[in-house]
Amino acid sequence: MRFSHFRFRSVWQLPAPPDAVYAALERAEEYPRWWPQVRSVTGLGDDSGAARFRSLLPYDLRVTASATRKDPHARVLEIAMHGDLEGWARWTVTAHGPGARALYEQEVDVRKPLMRLLALPCRPLFVANHAAMMRSGRRGLTALLSRGGV
């Protein structure tokens, strides 16, 4: 087992049509408006950008992301990440009851030196930190969608 390797999976039930959820998730540069832990997103081109994240633990993560899949028909968004995290992340949006279900999957290796050093003893904290960030993101996107902010 590589202790610096992490896999995450989150499911968000959202009160909006799947196409509206996909549209909101597709606009990564707007994430800081509704997702407090996404501190900044700067476009670097049509399909790439730089982002800075910070959740409960006192460290920032900086990544450069490049789109590897943007499929509005299947409602799938996927990126490759480089920087403090190396790997990929994917959103898959489907219809669910009167709203939508957004599945977030991420598989990364931690590259930030201090986090690599602490990956084994602090693994439960890193996992909890990620879970807190995802809960906050779901709340923020739910609020945006409820206001019709797509």
Protein backbone atom coordinates (compact mmCIF):
# COMPACT_ATOMS: atom_id res chain seq x y z
CA MET A 1 0.00 0.00 0.00
CA ARG A 2 1.26 3.45 -0.93
CA PHE A 3 0.44 5.62 2.05
CA SER A 4 0.47 8.79 -0.01
CA HIS A 5 -2.22 7.41 -2.35
CA PHE A 6 -5.85 8.38 -1.75
CA ARG A 7 -9.16 7.39 -3.34
CA PHE A 8 -12.26 9.41 -2.61
CA ARG A 9 -15.89 8.95 -3.58
CA SER A 10 -18.75 11.30 -2.70
CA VAL A 11 -22.38 11.28 -3.80
CA TRP A 12 -24.43 14.46 -3.77
CA GLN A 13 -28.22 14.43 -4.14
CA LEU A 14 -29.12 17.84 -5.58
CA PRO A 15 -32.46 19.65 -6.07
CA ALA A 16 -32.04 20.57 -9.73
CA PRO A 17 -32.23 18.95 -13.15
CA PRO A 18 -29.09 17.01 -14.15
CA ASP A 19 -28.26 19.41 -16.99
CA ALA A 20 -28.29 22.37 -14.58
CA VAL A 21 -26.00 20.51 -12.16
CA TYR A 22 -23.63 19.59 -14.99
CA ALA A 23 -23.60 23.22 -16.17
CA ALA A 24 -22.67 24.46 -12.69
CA LEU A 25 -19.95 21.84 -12.25
CA GLU A 26 -18.56 22.56 -15.71
CA ARG A 27 -17.75 26.16 -14.69
CA ALA A 28 -14.83 25.44 -12.36
CA GLU A 29 -13.76 29.10 -12.36
CA GLU A 30 -16.99 29.85 -10.44
CA TYR A 31 -16.45 27.23 -7.71
CA PRO A 32 -15.07 29.80 -5.24
CA ARG A 33 -18.48 31.57 -5.37
CA TRP A 34 -20.26 28.62 -3.80
CA TRP A 35 -17.54 26.29 -2.43
CA PRO A 36 -15.64 28.03 0.40
CA GLN A 37 -12.73 25.58 0.44
CA VAL A 38 -11.96 26.24 -3.22
CA ARG A 39 -10.04 29.43 -2.55
CA SER A 40 -9.18 30.29 -6.15
CA VAL A 41 -9.41 29.01 -9.69
CA THR A 42 -7.49 30.74 -12.49
CA GLY A 43 -7.97 29.77 -16.11
CA LEU A 44 -4.80 28.91 -18.01
CA GLY A 45 -6.46 28.14 -21.32
CA ASP A 46 -9.64 26.67 -22.71
CA ASP A 47 -9.39 23.39 -20.83
CA SER A 48 -6.92 24.00 -18.02
CA GLY A 49 -6.53 26.03 -14.87
CA ALA A 50 -4.77 26.45 -11.56
CA ALA A 51 -6.63 25.98 -8.28
CA ARG A 52 -5.93 26.47 -4.60
CA PHE A 53 -7.85 24.51 -1.93
CA ARG A 54 -7.93 24.71 1.84
CA SER A 55 -10.31 22.89 4.13
CA LEU A 56 -10.14 22.51 7.93
CA LEU A 57 -6.47 21.58 8.23
CA PRO A 58 -4.01 24.49 8.05
CA TYR A 59 -2.45 23.86 4.66
CA ASP A 60 -3.18 24.88 1.10
CA LEU A 61 -3.10 22.51 -1.84
CA ARG A 62 -2.23 23.90 -5.27
CA VAL A 63 -2.90 22.00 -8.46
CA THR A 64 -2.96 22.54 -12.17
CA ALA A 65 -5.89 20.77 -13.78
CA SER A 66 -6.44 19.83 -17.40
CA ALA A 67 -9.72 18.56 -18.78
CA THR A 68 -9.45 15.00 -20.07
CA ARG A 69 -13.18 14.54 -20.69
CA LYS A 70 -16.07 16.98 -21.08
CA ASP A 71 -19.17 15.10 -22.21
CA PRO A 72 -22.42 17.05 -21.77
CA HIS A 73 -24.51 14.20 -23.22
CA ALA A 74 -23.21 11.65 -20.69
CA ARG A 75 -22.78 14.50 -18.14
CA VAL A 76 -19.22 13.49 -17.30
CA LEU A 77 -16.39 15.89 -16.43
CA GLU A 78 -12.91 14.55 -15.80
CA ILE A 79 -9.59 16.24 -15.11
CA ALA A 80 -5.96 15.30 -14.68
CA MET A 81 -4.25 17.03 -11.74
CA HIS A 82 -0.61 17.94 -11.24
CA GLY A 83 1.12 19.76 -8.40
CA ASP A 84 0.51 19.04 -4.71
CA LEU A 85 -1.84 16.28 -5.89
CA GLU A 86 -1.12 14.02 -8.89
CA GLY A 87 -3.96 12.04 -10.34
CA TRP A 88 -7.48 12.54 -11.60
CA ALA A 89 -10.98 13.56 -10.53
CA ARG A 90 -14.32 12.95 -12.20
CA TRP A 91 -17.91 14.18 -11.85
CA THR A 92 -20.72 12.02 -13.24
CA VAL A 93 -24.21 13.57 -13.09
CA THR A 94 -27.37 11.50 -13.49
CA ALA A 95 -31.08 11.98 -12.96
CA HIS A 96 -32.30 10.98 -9.52
CA GLY A 97 -35.95 11.40 -8.55
CA PRO A 98 -36.97 15.02 -9.04
CA GLY A 99 -33.34 16.20 -9.05
CA ALA A 100 -29.88 14.94 -9.79
CA ARG A 101 -27.18 12.74 -8.36
CA ALA A 102 -23.58 13.94 -8.72
CA LEU A 103 -20.93 11.29 -8.17
CA TYR A 104 -17.44 12.63 -7.42
CA GLU A 105 -14.51 10.25 -7.72
CA GLN A 106 -10.88 11.14 -7.15
CA GLU A 107 -7.67 9.13 -7.14
CA VAL A 108 -4.50 11.00 -6.27
CA ASP A 109 -1.02 10.73 -4.88
CA VAL A 110 0.00 13.43 -2.44
CA ARG A 111 3.11 15.26 -3.62
CA LYS A 112 3.31 18.05 -1.05
CA PRO A 113 6.40 17.08 1.04
CA LEU A 114 4.91 17.63 4.51
CA MET A 115 1.73 15.76 3.59
CA ARG A 116 3.76 12.84 2.22
CA LEU A 117 5.65 12.68 5.51
CA LEU A 118 2.41 12.72 7.49
CA ALA A 119 0.37 10.55 5.11
CA LEU A 120 0.43 7.47 7.34
CA PRO A 121 -0.01 8.92 10.85
CA CYS A 122 -2.45 11.62 9.71
CA ARG A 123 -4.40 9.60 7.15
CA PRO A 124 -7.66 9.69 9.18
CA LEU A 125 -7.34 13.48 9.48
CA PHE A 126 -6.73 13.88 5.74
CA VAL A 127 -9.76 11.73 4.96
CA ALA A 128 -11.93 13.67 7.43
CA ASN A 129 -10.64 16.96 6.00
CA HIS A 130 -11.67 15.87 2.51
CA ALA A 131 -15.10 14.73 3.75
CA ALA A 132 -15.69 18.12 5.40
CA MET A 133 -14.73 19.88 2.19
CA MET A 134 -17.14 17.74 0.17
CA ARG A 135 -20.03 18.33 2.61
CA SER A 136 -19.46 22.07 2.36
CA GLY A 137 -19.34 21.89 -1.44
CA ARG A 138 -22.65 20.01 -1.55
CA ARG A 139 -24.28 22.62 0.70
CA GLY A 140 -22.90 25.45 -1.42
CA LEU A 141 -23.99 23.95 -4.72
CA THR A 142 -27.43 23.13 -3.30
CA ALA A 143 -27.83 26.77 -2.25
CA LEU A 144 -26.69 28.04 -5.66
CA LEU A 145 -29.06 25.71 -7.51
CA SER A 146 -31.96 26.59 -5.19
CA ARG A 147 -31.44 30.28 -6.02
CA GLY A 148 -31.45 29.45 -9.73
CA GLY A 149 -27.82 30.56 -9.93
CA VAL A 150 -26.84 28.35 -12.84
